[in-house]
Amino acid sequence: MVHRVLSLKYRPQNFDELTGQSHVVLSLKGAIKSGRIGHAFLFAGPRGIGKTTTARILAKSLNCIESPTIHPCQECQACREITLSRSVDVIEIDGASNRGIEEIRNLREGVKYAPLRGRYKIYIIDEVHMLTQEAFNALLKTLEEPPPNVIFIFATTNPTKVPATILSRCQRFVFKRLSVKEIISRLQIIAEKEEIKITDKALHYLAIRADGSIRDGESILEQLASFVEGEITEDDVFKLIGFLGSDFYFALLNKIIAKDLKGVVLILNKGIEEGADPIEIYRGFTNYLRAALLTKNDLPQEFLELSNEEIDYLQKIQLNEGEIIHMLDICLRNEEMIKRSMNVRIATELLFSQLILYFTNPEKQNSGSISNASSSKKDVDIKEALCQGLQKSTPKLAGLIHKAEIKKSSNGVTIFVENEFSKRELISKQTKLESILKTLLNANVTLNVEITQQKKEDDNLIQTIRVLFDGEEVR
């Protein structure tokens, strides 16, 4: 007997077998029961979550011998042919490889003919966002006024690339990523039917690695079943797919807190030698930092998608919210460096070295982007307060302040403007401005008005050009 992969063997054949898309199922069932069937549907969402499968089930419901029905019989000729992708009335098109205007012209010609066996001729276009602009334009008129027995179902992982003219003519359904719990539940059912022995921890890490895609989870499970003799454990998951468990990240975190650079490098390289991708290590570490931050705020376990042991550890970790936020900030600021580096291992080691530096010298690190952002926020608040204080009495000055850059320092507040005229205008109202600042900051403040350094450099450059071309300085 020919072997069938799990993702095909256990592909849902009716609405009740779909996992995690109850909102879509409820809406489609309601439309079928009421007879309010649209002529165009757009199924949008991440990969491997059931968009094309749902399209096939909808096609069965509309072309089954008992149609329209929310429970296709699976026995009639139409149902069997749709299941095997052989139906002459249900045409599946890959938008990535049939993306040109000629393919859409052929589709438009086929639309004119009535269905041969079923009630509807149904076109399922997968990855529809890959069609060219010309192809979309050719499809537009047909989509706007199709024959009454024609239905279009579009599936896409990137709906933002579908033109608004197409979107406005479709009923849009957004498919969601499956939760770890939903993936575990589905894989447990498959494992029992296939007599695959797997531990709960292995299932948990497998579901995390699937990243919301049930198809990815099924593929990994089948790979593990072929790879392992006997019961599948979490160590098998780590070895096969280069995935690292929470113990790895918690050990890494402990070494960072202890400012042990040697220990961090050893752990990192051990993980890489065991097959883990440095970028995957970065992603996993930031995910655990995020989970640590959320755990400090007592979010529900379902939201965190962690085991009880992992949550217990994160609750006891010796980090406060501020430290976690700074660590996340350092990670995110170095994300592009890790992704684009020619030597990702060195880039990853550098990132974790900076995290250790933060714990070694937090004052120096605090002068980074978070503190600057906080300072910038205060400057924005000062600008807003000045604008509001001047809006009614002198709106002209409020406009100048709005365009200016404001910096607060120990010497007072400095307003950077673009030209001498703005500087003179603000200096003429210096007393009033200082009064507003005194009320805002609850202290006496010295106000300074300066022309921006960039403007000065531009003026000097212009003056130099004039001297070069005119032969003398223009005053």
Protein backbone atom coordinates (compact mmCIF):
# COMPACT_ATOMS: atom_id res chain seq x y z
CA MET A 1 0.00 0.00 0.00
CA VAL A 2 1.31 3.46 -0.93
CA HIS A 3 2.28 5.50 2.11
CA ARG A 4 0.41 8.78 2.63
CA VAL A 5 1.98 11.53 4.71
CA LEU A 6 0.12 12.45 7.88
CA SER A 7 -0.81 15.94 6.73
CA LEU A 8 -2.73 14.41 3.79
CA LYS A 9 -3.98 11.29 5.53
CA TYR A 10 -5.58 13.29 8.35
CA ARG A 11 -6.62 16.31 6.33
CA PRO A 12 -10.04 17.47 7.61
CA GLN A 13 -12.90 16.48 5.28
CA ASN A 14 -15.73 18.42 6.94
CA PHE A 15 -16.21 21.55 9.00
CA ASP A 16 -16.34 19.69 12.32
CA GLU A 17 -12.83 18.29 11.84
CA LEU A 18 -11.20 21.72 11.41
CA THR A 19 -9.01 22.77 14.33
CA GLY A 20 -8.92 26.26 15.81
CA GLN A 21 -11.00 28.13 13.21
CA SER A 22 -14.41 28.04 14.88
CA HIS A 23 -15.18 31.67 13.94
CA VAL A 24 -14.73 30.88 10.22
CA VAL A 25 -16.67 27.61 10.46
CA LEU A 26 -19.60 29.29 12.24
CA SER A 27 -19.85 31.99 9.58
CA LEU A 28 -19.63 29.61 6.63
CA LYS A 29 -22.18 27.22 8.13
CA GLY A 30 -24.56 30.12 8.66
CA ALA A 31 -24.17 31.23 5.04
CA ILE A 32 -24.82 27.72 3.73
CA LYS A 33 -27.90 27.18 5.94
CA SER A 34 -29.42 30.53 4.97
CA GLY A 35 -28.54 30.17 1.29
CA ARG A 36 -26.61 33.46 1.34
CA ILE A 37 -23.61 32.23 -0.61
CA GLY A 38 -21.27 34.96 -1.81
CA HIS A 39 -19.64 34.78 -5.21
CA ALA A 40 -16.10 35.49 -3.89
CA PHE A 41 -14.30 34.56 -0.66
CA LEU A 42 -10.85 35.54 0.58
CA PHE A 43 -9.21 33.24 3.15
CA ALA A 44 -6.23 35.02 4.74
CA GLY A 45 -3.81 33.79 7.39
CA PRO A 46 -0.42 32.14 8.08
CA ARG A 47 0.75 28.95 6.40
CA GLY A 48 -0.48 25.50 7.34
CA ILE A 49 -3.63 26.45 9.26
CA GLY A 50 -6.35 25.17 6.92
CA LYS A 51 -7.17 27.81 4.30
CA THR A 52 -7.09 25.53 1.26
CA THR A 53 -8.64 22.68 3.24
CA THR A 54 -11.54 24.92 4.23
CA ALA A 55 -11.95 25.96 0.59
CA ARG A 56 -12.28 22.29 -0.42
CA ILE A 57 -14.79 21.59 2.34
CA LEU A 58 -16.84 24.59 1.25
CA ALA A 59 -16.72 23.28 -2.34
CA LYS A 60 -18.00 19.90 -1.16
CA SER A 61 -20.80 21.53 0.82
CA LEU A 62 -21.94 23.39 -2.30
CA ASN A 63 -21.52 20.57 -4.85
CA CYS A 64 -22.46 17.50 -2.79
CA ILE A 65 -25.45 15.55 -4.08
CA GLU A 66 -27.29 16.75 -0.97
CA SER A 67 -26.11 20.35 -1.40
CA PRO A 68 -26.29 22.90 -0.03
CA THR A 69 -25.34 21.13 3.20
CA ILE A 70 -23.01 21.72 6.13
CA HIS A 71 -22.39 17.95 6.31
CA PRO A 72 -21.15 16.74 2.89
CA CYS A 73 -21.79 13.02 2.47
CA GLN A 74 -18.20 12.16 1.38
CA GLU A 75 -19.68 9.28 -0.66
CA CYS A 76 -21.12 10.88 -3.79
CA GLN A 77 -19.06 11.33 -6.94
CA ALA A 78 -18.64 15.09 -6.40
CA CYS A 79 -17.32 14.65 -2.83
CA ARG A 80 -14.90 11.90 -3.82
CA GLU A 81 -13.54 13.84 -6.78
CA ILE A 82 -13.01 17.01 -4.70
CA THR A 83 -11.21 14.95 -2.04
CA LEU A 84 -8.85 13.56 -4.70
CA SER A 85 -8.47 16.98 -6.44
CA ARG A 86 -9.96 15.55 -9.64
CA SER A 87 -13.23 17.43 -9.89
CA VAL A 88 -13.87 19.11 -13.25
CA ASP A 89 -16.10 21.66 -11.49
CA VAL A 90 -13.60 22.60 -8.75
CA ILE A 91 -10.51 24.08 -10.37
CA GLU A 92 -7.50 24.63 -8.10
CA ILE A 93 -4.93 27.14 -9.37
CA ASP A 94 -1.52 27.89 -7.85
CA GLY A 95 -1.22 31.66 -7.95
CA ALA A 96 2.57 31.51 -7.59
CA SER A 97 3.18 29.51 -10.80
CA ASN A 98 0.13 30.70 -12.78
CA ARG A 99 0.40 34.38 -12.10
CA GLY A 100 0.35 35.92 -15.56
CA ILE A 101 -2.36 37.56 -17.61
CA GLU A 102 -2.64 34.60 -20.04
CA GLU A 103 -3.64 32.22 -17.25
CA ILE A 104 -6.34 34.63 -16.07
CA ARG A 105 -7.61 35.03 -19.63
CA ASN A 106 -8.00 31.25 -19.83
CA LEU A 107 -9.88 31.37 -16.52
CA ARG A 108 -12.21 34.03 -17.91
CA GLU A 109 -12.95 31.85 -20.91
CA GLY A 110 -13.72 28.85 -18.69
CA VAL A 111 -16.08 30.89 -16.51
CA LYS A 112 -18.51 31.19 -19.43
CA TYR A 113 -19.30 27.46 -19.41
CA ALA A 114 -21.74 25.89 -16.96
CA PRO A 115 -20.56 23.29 -14.43
CA LEU A 116 -20.66 19.72 -15.77
CA ARG A 117 -21.85 17.81 -12.69
CA GLY A 118 -22.26 20.03 -9.63
CA ARG A 119 -24.37 23.08 -8.93
CA TYR A 120 -21.37 25.44 -9.00
CA LYS A 121 -18.12 25.87 -10.84
CA ILE A 122 -15.64 26.81 -8.11
CA TYR A 123 -12.21 28.35 -8.65
CA ILE A 124 -9.75 28.00 -5.75
CA ILE A 125 -6.70 30.24 -6.29
CA ASP A 126 -3.96 29.60 -3.73
CA GLU A 127 -1.40 32.33 -2.91
CA VAL A 128 -3.51 34.79 -4.88
CA HIS A 129 -1.29 37.71 -3.85
CA MET A 130 1.37 36.36 -6.25
CA LEU A 131 -0.69 37.31 -9.31
CA THR A 132 0.68 40.19 -11.36
CA GLN A 133 -1.07 43.56 -11.47
CA GLU A 134 -2.12 42.86 -15.05
CA ALA A 135 -3.60 39.52 -13.99
CA PHE A 136 -5.58 41.19 -11.20
CA ASN A 137 -6.88 43.77 -13.67
CA ALA A 138 -7.97 41.01 -16.05
CA LEU A 139 -9.75 39.21 -13.20
CA LEU A 140 -11.49 42.29 -11.86
CA LYS A 141 -14.46 42.51 -14.23
CA THR A 142 -15.20 38.79 -14.00
CA LEU A 143 -15.01 38.97 -10.22
CA GLU A 144 -17.37 41.93 -10.13
CA GLU A 145 -20.12 40.30 -12.21
CA PRO A 146 -19.54 36.55 -12.41
CA PRO A 147 -22.15 34.11 -13.73
CA PRO A 148 -24.57 32.97 -11.00
CA ASN A 149 -23.13 29.46 -10.90
CA VAL A 150 -19.47 30.52 -10.42
CA ILE A 151 -17.73 31.01 -7.06
CA PHE A 152 -14.17 32.22 -6.43
CA ILE A 153 -12.23 31.24 -3.31
CA PHE A 154 -8.88 33.00 -2.84
CA ALA A 155 -6.29 31.90 -0.28
CA THR A 156 -3.33 34.06 0.72
CA THR A 157 -0.69 34.42 3.40
CA ASN A 158 -0.22 38.09 2.54
CA PRO A 159 -3.54 39.91 2.04
CA THR A 160 -1.83 43.32 2.06
CA LYS A 161 -0.53 42.57 -1.45
CA VAL A 162 -4.02 41.94 -2.82
CA PRO A 163 -5.37 45.10 -4.50
CA ALA A 164 -8.17 46.92 -2.69
CA THR A 165 -10.37 46.57 -5.78
CA ILE A 166 -10.22 42.78 -5.37
CA LEU A 167 -10.61 42.83 -1.58
CA SER A 168 -13.74 44.98 -1.78
CA ARG A 169 -15.47 42.34 -3.90
CA CYS A 170 -14.74 39.44 -1.55
CA GLN A 171 -16.09 38.19 1.75
CA ARG A 172 -12.94 38.15 3.87
CA PHE A 173 -12.20 35.49 6.49
CA VAL A 174 -9.09 35.80 8.67
CA PHE A 175 -7.66 32.46 9.84
CA LYS A 176 -5.68 32.57 13.08
CA ARG A 177 -2.51 30.83 14.18
CA LEU A 178 -3.24 27.77 16.25
CA SER A 179 -2.31 27.85 19.91
CA VAL A 180 0.14 25.36 21.41
CA LYS A 181 -2.77 23.71 23.23
CA GLU A 182 -4.77 23.27 20.00
CA ILE A 183 -1.79 21.79 18.15
CA ILE A 184 -1.05 19.39 21.02
CA SER A 185 -4.68 18.24 21.08
CA ARG A 186 -4.69 17.54 17.33
CA LEU A 187 -1.32 15.76 17.36
CA GLN A 188 -2.38 13.57 20.28
CA ILE A 189 -5.33 12.29 18.27
CA ILE A 190 -3.08 11.52 15.28
CA ALA A 191 -0.44 9.86 17.48
CA GLU A 192 -3.07 7.57 19.03
CA LYS A 193 -4.44 6.55 15.64
CA GLU A 194 -0.95 5.92 14.27
CA GLU A 195 0.15 4.19 17.50
CA ILE A 196 3.01 6.65 17.94
CA LYS A 197 4.28 6.85 21.51
CA ILE A 198 5.34 10.35 22.51
CA THR A 199 5.78 12.06 25.88
CA ASP A 200 3.81 15.14 26.90
CA LYS A 201 6.97 17.24 27.03
CA ALA A 202 7.96 16.16 23.53
CA LEU A 203 4.50 17.11 22.27
CA HIS A 204 4.78 20.48 24.01
CA TYR A 205 8.11 21.37 22.38
CA LEU A 206 6.95 19.98 19.04
CA ALA A 207 3.89 22.25 19.18
CA ILE A 208 6.07 25.27 20.02
CA ARG A 209 8.34 24.46 17.07
CA ALA A 210 5.30 24.22 14.77
CA ASP A 211 4.82 27.97 15.38
CA GLY A 212 1.04 28.00 14.97
CA SER A 213 0.96 25.73 11.90
CA ILE A 214 -0.79 22.38 12.29
CA ARG A 215 0.74 21.18 9.01
CA ASP A 216 4.26 21.87 10.30
CA GLY A 217 3.40 19.99 13.49
CA GLU A 218 2.17 16.95 11.56
CA SER A 219 5.28 16.94 9.36
CA ILE A 220 7.60 17.07 12.38
CA LEU A 221 5.64 14.32 14.13
CA GLU A 222 5.97 12.04 11.09
CA GLN A 223 9.67 12.79 10.84
CA LEU A 224 10.13 11.92 14.51
CA ALA A 225 8.14 8.69 14.12
CA SER A 226 10.54 7.62 11.35
CA PHE A 227 13.60 8.74 13.27
CA VAL A 228 12.91 7.24 16.71
CA GLU A 229 12.33 3.65 17.71
CA GLY A 230 10.08 3.42 20.71
CA GLU A 231 8.77 6.40 22.68
CA ILE A 232 9.60 9.90 21.43
CA THR A 233 11.04 12.18 24.13
CA GLU A 234 11.88 15.88 24.23
CA ASP A 235 15.56 15.03 23.66
CA ASP A 236 14.59 13.42 20.35
CA VAL A 237 12.78 16.63 19.36
CA PHE A 238 15.87 18.70 20.21
CA LYS A 239 18.25 16.40 18.29
CA LEU A 240 16.16 16.04 15.17
CA ILE A 241 15.06 19.62 14.52
CA GLY A 242 17.82 21.56 16.29
CA PHE A 243 15.37 22.92 18.83
CA LEU A 244 16.45 23.93 22.32
CA GLY A 245 14.41 23.45 25.46
CA SER A 246 13.77 25.80 28.34
CA ASP A 247 16.69 24.34 30.34
CA PHE A 248 19.11 25.74 27.76
CA TYR A 249 17.66 29.26 27.90
CA PHE A 250 17.34 29.26 31.68
CA ALA A 251 21.00 28.18 32.02
CA LEU A 252 21.97 30.96 29.60
CA LEU A 253 19.96 33.49 31.59
CA ASN A 254 21.56 32.42 34.86
CA LYS A 255 25.06 32.84 33.40
CA ILE A 256 24.18 36.34 32.17
CA ILE A 257 22.86 37.38 35.59
CA ALA A 258 26.04 35.94 37.16
CA LYS A 259 28.13 37.98 34.64
CA ASP A 260 29.87 34.75 33.56
CA LEU A 261 30.98 35.46 29.98
CA LYS A 262 32.96 32.22 29.72
CA GLY A 263 29.91 30.21 30.77
CA VAL A 264 27.67 32.02 28.28
CA VAL A 265 30.05 31.36 25.37
CA LEU A 266 30.35 27.69 26.32
CA ILE A 267 26.56 27.25 26.50
CA LEU A 268 26.03 29.09 23.21
CA ASN A 269 28.58 27.01 21.34
CA LYS A 270 27.30 23.78 22.83
CA GLY A 271 23.83 24.62 21.51
CA ILE A 272 25.19 25.53 18.06
CA GLU A 273 27.28 22.34 17.88
CA GLU A 274 24.16 20.32 18.66
CA GLY A 275 22.50 21.74 15.57
CA ALA A 276 20.72 24.87 16.78
CA ASP A 277 20.71 27.89 14.48
CA PRO A 278 22.16 31.03 16.18
CA ILE A 279 19.18 33.03 14.91
CA GLU A 280 16.88 30.41 16.46
CA ILE A 281 18.77 30.82 19.75
CA TYR A 282 18.24 34.58 19.58
CA ARG A 283 14.53 34.14 18.83
CA GLY A 284 14.04 31.60 21.61
CA PHE A 285 15.91 33.73 24.17
CA THR A 286 13.88 36.87 23.40
CA ASN A 287 10.67 34.83 23.60
CA TYR A 288 11.61 33.68 27.11
CA LEU A 289 12.50 37.24 28.11
CA ARG A 290 9.07 38.35 26.88
CA ALA A 291 7.49 35.50 28.84
CA ALA A 292 9.44 36.56 31.94
CA LEU A 293 8.14 40.11 31.61
CA LEU A 294 4.54 38.94 31.18
CA THR A 295 4.86 36.46 34.05
CA LYS A 296 5.86 39.34 36.35
CA ASN A 297 2.46 40.86 35.50
CA ASP A 298 0.49 37.66 36.30
CA LEU A 299 -0.87 36.99 32.82
CA PRO A 300 -2.90 33.76 32.36
CA GLN A 301 -0.98 30.60 31.51
CA GLU A 302 -2.96 30.16 28.27
CA PHE A 303 -1.60 33.49 27.02
CA LEU A 304 2.01 32.55 27.74
CA GLU A 305 1.82 29.05 26.20
CA LEU A 306 4.35 27.71 28.72
CA SER A 307 4.40 24.65 30.93
CA ASN A 308 3.82 24.96 34.69
CA GLU A 309 7.51 24.28 35.35
CA GLU A 310 8.60 27.08 33.02
CA ILE A 311 6.18 29.55 34.59
CA ASP A 312 7.35 28.62 38.11
CA TYR A 313 10.96 29.24 37.09
CA LEU A 314 10.20 32.61 35.48
CA GLN A 315 8.26 33.72 38.55
CA LYS A 316 11.29 33.01 40.76
CA ILE A 317 13.90 34.53 38.46
CA GLN A 318 16.02 37.26 40.06
CA LEU A 319 15.15 40.02 37.59
CA ASN A 320 12.86 43.00 37.98
CA GLU A 321 10.72 44.47 35.21
CA GLY A 322 13.19 47.25 34.43
CA GLU A 323 16.07 44.80 33.95
CA ILE A 324 14.00 42.57 31.67
CA ILE A 325 12.90 45.56 29.58
CA HIS A 326 16.53 46.72 29.20
CA MET A 327 17.61 43.23 28.15
CA LEU A 328 14.83 43.05 25.56
CA ASP A 329 15.83 46.48 24.30
CA ILE A 330 19.45 45.40 23.86
CA CYS A 331 18.31 42.25 22.01
CA LEU A 332 15.99 44.09 19.64
CA ARG A 333 18.56 46.80 18.90
CA ASN A 334 20.97 44.07 17.76
CA GLU A 335 18.46 41.98 15.81
CA GLU A 336 19.48 43.32 12.39
CA MET A 337 23.14 42.73 13.18
CA ILE A 338 22.44 39.06 13.89
CA LYS A 339 20.24 38.58 10.83
CA ARG A 340 22.67 40.26 8.40
CA SER A 341 26.02 39.22 9.85
CA MET A 342 28.38 37.12 7.71
CA ASN A 343 29.37 35.31 10.92
CA VAL A 344 26.19 34.83 12.92
CA ARG A 345 27.95 32.97 15.74
CA ILE A 346 30.21 35.95 16.51
CA ALA A 347 27.28 38.35 16.26
CA THR A 348 25.30 36.23 18.73
CA GLU A 349 28.24 36.06 21.14
CA LEU A 350 28.58 39.85 20.89
CA LEU A 351 24.91 40.31 21.75
CA PHE A 352 25.18 38.20 24.89
CA SER A 353 28.41 39.97 25.82
CA GLN A 354 26.46 43.25 25.76
CA LEU A 355 23.83 41.72 28.05
CA ILE A 356 26.56 40.78 30.53
CA LEU A 357 27.98 44.31 30.21
CA TYR A 358 24.57 45.66 31.23
CA PHE A 359 24.72 43.75 34.51
CA THR A 360 28.37 44.72 34.99
CA ASN A 361 27.77 48.44 34.38
CA PRO A 362 24.01 49.18 34.36
CA GLU A 363 24.56 52.95 34.61
CA LYS A 364 26.40 52.98 31.30
CA GLN A 365 23.76 50.83 29.64
CA ASN A 366 20.98 53.00 31.02
CA SER A 367 22.26 55.80 28.83
CA GLY A 368 21.13 53.74 25.83
CA SER A 369 18.04 53.99 23.75
CA ILE A 370 15.47 53.49 26.50
CA SER A 371 16.76 56.38 28.56
CA ASN A 372 17.12 58.50 25.48
CA ALA A 373 13.57 57.63 24.52
CA SER A 374 12.41 58.64 27.98
CA SER A 375 14.32 61.93 27.73
CA SER A 376 12.90 62.50 24.27
CA LYS A 377 9.41 61.93 25.64
CA LYS A 378 9.98 64.64 28.26
CA ASP A 379 11.18 66.99 25.54
CA VAL A 380 8.02 66.31 23.57
CA ASP A 381 5.92 67.02 26.67
CA ILE A 382 7.72 70.38 27.12
CA LYS A 383 7.10 71.27 23.49
CA GLU A 384 3.39 70.37 23.76
CA ALA A 385 3.01 72.40 26.95
CA LEU A 386 4.67 75.45 25.36
CA CYS A 387 2.50 75.15 22.24
CA GLN A 388 -0.67 74.93 24.33
CA GLY A 389 0.37 77.90 26.48
CA LEU A 390 0.97 80.08 23.40
CA GLN A 391 -1.81 78.83 21.13
CA LYS A 392 -4.49 81.33 22.16
CA SER A 393 -2.39 84.43 22.85
CA THR A 394 0.36 84.14 20.24
CA PRO A 395 -0.35 81.33 17.74
CA LYS A 396 2.58 82.49 15.60
CA LEU A 397 5.04 81.64 18.38
CA ALA A 398 3.24 78.32 18.96
CA GLY A 399 3.92 77.49 15.31
CA LEU A 400 7.60 78.29 15.70
CA ILE A 401 7.84 76.13 18.82
CA HIS A 402 6.07 73.28 17.00
CA LYS A 403 8.75 73.28 14.28
CA ALA A 404 11.64 73.65 16.75
CA GLU A 405 13.66 70.99 18.55
CA ILE A 406 13.75 71.20 22.36
CA LYS A 407 16.40 69.77 24.68
CA LYS A 408 16.38 69.86 28.48
CA SER A 409 19.69 69.83 30.33
CA SER A 410 21.14 70.80 33.70
CA ASN A 411 21.72 74.32 32.33
CA GLY A 412 18.07 74.81 31.45
CA VAL A 413 15.99 74.37 28.31
CA THR A 414 17.40 75.00 24.84
CA ILE A 415 15.18 75.60 21.82
CA PHE A 416 16.85 74.90 18.46
CA VAL A 417 15.32 76.82 15.55
CA GLU A 418 16.09 76.97 11.82
CA ASN A 419 16.92 80.65 11.28
CA GLU A 420 17.73 84.03 12.84
CA PHE A 421 14.18 85.32 12.41
CA SER A 422 12.73 82.50 14.55
CA LYS A 423 15.47 83.04 17.10
CA ARG A 424 14.68 86.78 17.44
CA GLU A 425 10.94 86.12 17.73
CA LEU A 426 11.39 83.59 20.54
CA ILE A 427 13.93 85.73 22.43
CA SER A 428 11.45 88.62 22.37
CA LYS A 429 9.01 86.42 24.34
CA GLN A 430 11.65 84.83 26.55
CA THR A 431 10.05 85.99 29.81
CA LYS A 432 6.68 84.50 28.91
CA LEU A 433 8.24 81.23 27.79
CA GLU A 434 10.26 80.92 31.00
CA SER A 435 7.06 81.53 33.00
CA ILE A 436 5.32 78.64 31.22
CA LEU A 437 8.34 76.39 31.77
CA LYS A 438 8.46 77.31 35.46
CA THR A 439 4.83 76.19 35.86
CA LEU A 440 5.47 72.99 33.89
CA LEU A 441 8.72 71.93 35.60
CA ASN A 442 7.96 73.46 39.01
CA ALA A 443 11.35 75.22 39.05
CA ASN A 444 13.08 78.33 37.71
CA VAL A 445 14.40 77.56 34.23
CA THR A 446 16.83 79.40 32.01
CA LEU A 447 15.72 79.47 28.38
CA ASN A 448 18.26 79.43 25.55
CA VAL A 449 17.47 79.80 21.85
CA GLU A 450 19.98 78.50 19.30
CA ILE A 451 20.06 77.82 15.57
CA THR A 452 20.38 74.10 14.81
CA GLN A 453 23.88 72.84 14.13
CA GLN A 454 22.73 71.29 10.87
CA LYS A 455 21.40 74.66 9.70
CA LYS A 456 24.71 76.31 10.56
CA GLU A 457 26.61 73.66 8.59
CA ASP A 458 24.27 74.12 5.61
CA ASP A 459 24.75 77.91 5.73
CA ASN A 460 28.53 77.51 5.87
CA LEU A 461 28.39 75.14 2.89
CA ILE A 462 26.26 77.59 0.90
CA GLN A 463 28.63 80.44 1.78
CA THR A 464 31.64 78.37 0.65
CA ILE A 465 29.96 77.56 -2.66
CA ARG A 466 29.19 81.24 -3.23
CA VAL A 467 32.82 82.21 -2.59
CA LEU A 468 34.05 79.50 -4.96
CA PHE A 469 31.76 80.59 -7.77
CA ASP A 470 31.61 84.38 -7.21
CA GLY A 471 35.20 84.89 -6.21
CA GLU A 472 34.36 86.89 -3.11
CA GLU A 473 32.35 86.52 0.05
CA VAL A 474 28.78 87.71 -0.25
CA ARG A 475 27.55 89.58 2.81
